Amino acid sequence: MKRYRTSTVLSTAIGVIVLVALGVALWQAPQGVAQEQQPLLEYPEYPPTPTVGANPTAPATLQGTPLAQSDFADPGALSAWEFVDLTFVLEESRALWEVEEGRLKQANTAAAGNPSTHETAALTGSEEWTDYTVQVSFYDFTNGTAGLMARYSGANPQTASYYRYRVLKNSYEARPKQVLEKVEGGVATTLAEQVEPGFVEREWHVLALSVEGGRLTVTLDGEVVLEAEDAQPLSAGRAGIYTRAMGGILFDDFVVTAP
């Protein structure tokens, strides 16, 4: 019985001491002020997603008769375009293009929704077009590849014929950065190339590709960057925009003019 009383008294004493210590701590803390808790994890501060600025003022290089133009003001603008994959892909991996906030956007792949490195194009116009200049503005977030196509003809994109200019962003290690080529039956032949530079990502740029007979000229932001002469030129075909199905790139202010 004595042992039980001794244990009880000891437990009661310890409890009183704890309560007194807690009361002193609360009395010393500022009244009405929450006690600050240190975060368990500290996350790094990520930079905000950059805002896409206004479209650039297109260099005054286009003269002549307008054949086609689009500012992609609404999704209905897509009715004048055909979107193709330049290499064979399964249906769920086909490139997806859409209009978003008044700009044409390459939006990865259709059913799968994943980015892909395969080449894709947006085509418009007539297969009877011969001599013309095709121009477009683009803004790249994460894609890294932009370009233009001219005199595209053929029912099957994998065996079609066309001229193509493609440019890579500067942060890619791949070289050359700029290539002008002729594709016949799906086989590409380089007409001219430039090792560097390419383009600066997350800035607006303006591309233009001119075809006149066998003479081809490419401008980037108003400056001539590549020229070539094709002794056996493709005769005619549609114009288009080229990139890869990786998403992260916008196009706008598309125009085609005849001399």
Protein backbone atom coordinates (compact mmCIF):
# COMPACT_ATOMS: atom_id res chain seq x y z
CA MET A 1 0.00 0.00 0.00
CA LYS A 2 2.84 2.38 0.80
CA ARG A 3 4.55 1.60 -2.47
CA TYR A 4 1.35 2.47 -4.39
CA ARG A 5 1.00 5.79 -2.53
CA THR A 6 4.66 6.66 -3.17
CA SER A 7 4.30 6.01 -6.90
CA THR A 8 1.13 8.06 -7.07
CA VAL A 9 2.71 10.99 -5.27
CA LEU A 10 5.75 10.87 -7.57
CA SER A 11 3.61 10.84 -10.73
CA THR A 12 1.54 13.74 -9.44
CA ALA A 13 4.67 15.77 -8.68
CA ILE A 14 6.10 15.19 -12.16
CA GLY A 15 2.79 16.25 -13.72
CA VAL A 16 2.72 19.46 -11.70
CA ILE A 17 6.28 20.31 -12.74
CA VAL A 18 5.41 19.82 -16.45
CA LEU A 19 2.29 21.99 -16.16
CA VAL A 20 4.22 24.76 -14.39
CA ALA A 21 6.95 24.74 -17.07
CA LEU A 22 4.35 24.89 -19.84
CA GLY A 23 2.56 27.78 -18.15
CA VAL A 24 5.79 29.76 -17.84
CA ALA A 25 6.57 29.23 -21.53
CA LEU A 26 3.12 30.38 -22.61
CA TRP A 27 3.28 33.41 -20.28
CA GLN A 28 6.63 34.47 -21.81
CA ALA A 29 5.42 34.18 -25.44
CA PRO A 30 3.77 37.31 -26.92
CA GLN A 31 0.02 37.11 -26.56
CA GLY A 32 -1.97 36.74 -29.78
CA VAL A 33 1.14 35.87 -31.86
CA ALA A 34 1.27 32.50 -33.60
CA GLN A 35 4.42 30.51 -33.03
CA GLU A 36 6.45 30.30 -36.26
CA GLN A 37 7.13 26.85 -37.64
CA GLN A 38 10.22 26.14 -39.71
CA PRO A 39 9.37 24.54 -43.10
CA LEU A 40 10.26 20.89 -43.38
CA LEU A 41 11.39 21.34 -47.00
CA GLU A 42 12.65 24.41 -48.83
CA TYR A 43 11.82 24.49 -52.55
CA PRO A 44 13.96 26.45 -55.03
CA GLU A 45 12.48 29.54 -56.64
CA TYR A 46 11.76 28.82 -60.30
CA PRO A 47 11.69 31.70 -62.78
CA PRO A 48 8.21 32.58 -64.05
CA THR A 49 7.15 31.36 -67.48
CA PRO A 50 8.10 34.13 -69.93
CA THR A 51 5.28 36.11 -71.47
CA VAL A 52 5.07 35.97 -75.26
CA GLY A 53 5.31 39.54 -76.42
CA ALA A 54 3.68 41.20 -79.38
CA ASN A 55 4.41 39.83 -82.84
CA PRO A 56 7.42 41.35 -84.56
CA THR A 57 7.05 43.86 -87.34
CA ALA A 58 7.74 41.79 -90.44
CA PRO A 59 10.67 43.06 -92.50
CA ALA A 60 9.50 44.90 -95.60
CA THR A 61 10.82 42.27 -98.02
CA LEU A 62 7.56 41.09 -99.57
CA GLN A 63 6.35 42.76 -102.71
CA GLY A 64 3.95 41.58 -105.37
CA THR A 65 0.56 39.88 -105.45
CA PRO A 66 -0.71 38.19 -102.25
CA LEU A 67 -1.58 34.54 -102.83
CA ALA A 68 -2.47 33.60 -99.25
CA GLN A 69 -2.25 34.98 -95.75
CA SER A 70 -3.39 34.09 -92.25
CA ASP A 71 -3.11 35.69 -88.83
CA PHE A 72 -4.86 32.70 -87.18
CA ALA A 73 -7.40 34.97 -85.53
CA ASP A 74 -9.76 32.04 -84.93
CA PRO A 75 -9.73 28.21 -85.15
CA GLY A 76 -11.68 28.43 -88.42
CA ALA A 77 -8.43 29.45 -90.09
CA LEU A 78 -7.36 25.80 -89.98
CA SER A 79 -9.86 24.86 -92.68
CA ALA A 80 -7.43 26.21 -95.31
CA TRP A 81 -4.58 24.00 -94.07
CA GLU A 82 -3.48 20.38 -94.32
CA PHE A 83 -1.31 18.96 -91.55
CA VAL A 84 1.01 16.09 -92.42
CA ASP A 85 3.69 13.90 -90.86
CA LEU A 86 6.76 13.70 -93.07
CA THR A 87 7.75 10.28 -91.72
CA PHE A 88 5.54 7.27 -91.05
CA VAL A 89 3.92 7.26 -87.60
CA LEU A 90 1.06 5.37 -86.01
CA GLU A 91 -2.33 7.08 -85.80
CA GLU A 92 -1.98 7.85 -82.09
CA SER A 93 1.37 9.54 -82.71
CA ARG A 94 0.29 11.89 -85.50
CA ALA A 95 1.27 15.53 -85.01
CA LEU A 96 -1.39 17.82 -83.59
CA TRP A 97 -1.73 21.46 -84.65
CA GLU A 98 -4.19 23.95 -83.16
CA VAL A 99 -5.00 27.64 -82.92
CA GLU A 100 -4.39 29.14 -79.49
CA GLU A 101 -4.85 32.83 -78.66
CA GLY A 102 -4.64 33.87 -82.29
CA ARG A 103 -1.53 31.84 -83.16
CA LEU A 104 -0.86 28.50 -84.81
CA LYS A 105 0.59 26.09 -82.26
CA GLN A 106 2.30 22.75 -82.75
CA ALA A 107 0.88 20.81 -79.81
CA ASN A 108 2.78 17.51 -79.57
CA THR A 109 0.95 14.43 -80.86
CA ALA A 110 -2.74 13.62 -81.14
CA ALA A 111 -4.01 10.61 -79.17
CA ALA A 112 -0.78 9.92 -77.27
CA GLY A 113 -0.23 13.57 -76.35
CA ASN A 114 3.51 13.04 -76.06
CA PRO A 115 6.24 15.07 -77.77
CA SER A 116 7.93 13.40 -80.73
CA THR A 117 11.03 14.21 -82.76
CA HIS A 118 9.39 13.26 -86.05
CA GLU A 119 9.01 15.97 -88.72
CA THR A 120 5.67 17.58 -89.40
CA ALA A 121 4.34 20.33 -91.67
CA ALA A 122 1.35 22.63 -92.10
CA LEU A 123 0.54 23.08 -95.81
CA THR A 124 -1.67 25.49 -97.70
CA GLY A 125 -2.22 26.89 -101.19
CA SER A 126 -2.28 25.40 -104.66
CA GLU A 127 -0.09 22.80 -106.37
CA GLU A 128 -0.06 25.19 -109.34
CA TRP A 129 1.89 27.88 -107.49
CA THR A 130 5.29 28.38 -109.15
CA ASP A 131 7.33 31.47 -108.19
CA TYR A 132 6.57 33.00 -104.79
CA THR A 133 7.85 33.98 -101.35
CA VAL A 134 6.48 32.31 -98.22
CA GLN A 135 6.99 34.09 -94.90
CA VAL A 136 6.04 33.41 -91.27
CA SER A 137 6.83 34.66 -87.76
CA PHE A 138 7.65 32.11 -85.05
CA TYR A 139 8.28 31.99 -81.31
CA ASP A 140 9.98 28.95 -79.82
CA PHE A 141 9.67 27.83 -76.18
CA THR A 142 11.09 24.29 -76.12
CA ASN A 143 10.89 22.82 -79.63
CA GLY A 144 14.16 23.99 -81.12
CA THR A 145 13.36 23.56 -84.84
CA ALA A 146 11.54 25.87 -87.24
CA GLY A 147 11.34 26.16 -91.00
CA LEU A 148 9.46 26.74 -94.25
CA MET A 149 8.54 24.66 -97.30
CA ALA A 150 7.86 25.59 -100.92
CA ARG A 151 6.63 23.86 -104.10
CA TYR A 152 5.29 20.88 -102.16
CA SER A 153 3.64 18.28 -104.40
CA GLY A 154 2.59 14.68 -103.92
CA ALA A 155 -0.26 12.76 -102.31
CA ASN A 156 1.94 10.83 -99.86
CA PRO A 157 3.99 13.02 -97.44
CA GLN A 158 6.65 10.32 -97.13
CA THR A 159 7.33 10.37 -100.89
CA ALA A 160 6.46 13.99 -101.70
CA SER A 161 8.77 16.52 -103.35
CA TYR A 162 9.46 20.03 -102.04
CA TYR A 163 12.03 22.62 -101.03
CA ARG A 164 12.64 22.97 -97.32
CA TYR A 165 14.55 25.37 -95.10
CA ARG A 166 15.14 24.40 -91.47
CA VAL A 167 16.92 26.20 -88.65
CA LEU A 168 17.91 25.03 -85.15
CA LYS A 169 18.13 27.04 -81.95
CA ASN A 170 21.61 28.08 -80.82
CA SER A 171 21.54 26.02 -77.60
CA TYR A 172 21.40 22.75 -79.58
CA GLU A 173 24.80 21.15 -80.07
CA ALA A 174 23.87 19.82 -83.53
CA ARG A 175 25.49 21.38 -86.60
CA PRO A 176 24.84 22.76 -89.19
CA LYS A 177 22.31 25.17 -87.72
CA GLN A 178 20.68 26.13 -91.04
CA VAL A 179 19.98 23.89 -94.02
CA LEU A 180 18.28 24.57 -97.37
CA GLU A 181 17.44 21.34 -99.15
CA LYS A 182 15.55 19.77 -102.01
CA VAL A 183 13.43 16.71 -101.21
CA GLU A 184 12.44 14.45 -104.10
CA GLY A 185 10.41 11.32 -103.46
CA GLY A 186 11.25 11.58 -99.78
CA VAL A 187 15.02 11.79 -100.39
CA ALA A 188 16.72 15.02 -99.26
CA THR A 189 19.65 16.71 -101.01
CA THR A 190 21.41 19.67 -99.40
CA LEU A 191 21.55 22.80 -101.57
CA ALA A 192 23.15 25.13 -99.03
CA GLU A 193 23.94 25.14 -95.33
CA GLN A 194 25.34 27.32 -92.57
CA VAL A 195 27.19 25.84 -89.61
CA GLU A 196 26.06 28.61 -87.25
CA PRO A 197 24.38 30.59 -85.86
CA GLY A 198 20.83 29.35 -85.52
CA PHE A 199 18.12 31.30 -83.70
CA VAL A 200 17.64 32.55 -80.15
CA GLU A 201 14.79 30.78 -78.39
CA ARG A 202 11.98 32.65 -76.63
CA GLU A 203 12.18 35.54 -79.05
CA TRP A 204 10.10 36.34 -82.12
CA HIS A 205 11.77 35.71 -85.48
CA VAL A 206 10.66 36.13 -89.10
CA LEU A 207 11.52 33.54 -91.76
CA ALA A 208 11.09 33.91 -95.53
CA LEU A 209 11.83 31.48 -98.38
CA SER A 210 11.71 32.71 -101.99
CA VAL A 211 11.63 30.46 -105.05
CA GLU A 212 11.98 31.94 -108.55
CA GLY A 213 12.79 29.46 -111.26
CA GLY A 214 15.77 27.54 -109.87
CA ARG A 215 16.86 30.37 -107.59
CA LEU A 216 16.20 29.99 -103.85
CA THR A 217 16.79 32.65 -101.18
CA VAL A 218 16.26 32.46 -97.42
CA THR A 219 16.05 35.40 -95.02
CA LEU A 220 16.02 35.31 -91.22
CA ASP A 221 14.83 38.51 -89.55
CA GLY A 222 15.29 40.39 -92.82
CA GLU A 223 18.88 39.25 -93.45
CA VAL A 224 19.79 36.89 -96.30
CA VAL A 225 21.26 33.76 -94.69
CA LEU A 226 21.24 31.14 -97.49
CA GLU A 227 21.08 31.14 -101.28
CA ALA A 228 21.18 28.35 -103.84
CA GLU A 229 20.66 27.61 -107.52
CA ASP A 230 18.91 24.37 -108.51
CA ALA A 231 19.78 23.28 -112.07
CA GLN A 232 16.74 21.00 -112.22
CA PRO A 233 14.16 22.88 -110.15
CA LEU A 234 10.86 21.58 -108.88
CA SER A 235 8.16 23.15 -111.02
CA ALA A 236 5.29 24.05 -108.67
CA GLY A 237 3.51 23.25 -105.44
CA ARG A 238 2.06 24.38 -102.15
CA ALA A 239 3.73 26.39 -99.39
CA GLY A 240 4.07 25.38 -95.77
CA ILE A 241 5.49 25.62 -92.25
CA TYR A 242 7.94 23.02 -90.96
CA THR A 243 8.88 21.87 -87.43
CA ARG A 244 8.97 18.76 -85.27
CA ALA A 245 6.09 17.28 -83.26
CA MET A 246 7.67 18.28 -79.97
CA GLY A 247 5.25 21.09 -79.18
CA GLY A 248 6.43 24.33 -77.63
CA ILE A 249 6.42 26.52 -80.74
CA LEU A 250 4.08 29.19 -82.14
CA PHE A 251 3.62 30.53 -85.69
CA ASP A 252 1.81 33.65 -86.88
CA ASP A 253 1.44 36.23 -89.65
CA PHE A 254 1.79 33.71 -92.48
CA VAL A 255 1.81 35.20 -95.98
CA VAL A 256 2.60 34.06 -99.52
CA THR A 257 3.17 36.57 -102.34
CA ALA A 258 3.90 36.14 -106.04
CA PRO A 259 6.45 38.46 -107.75
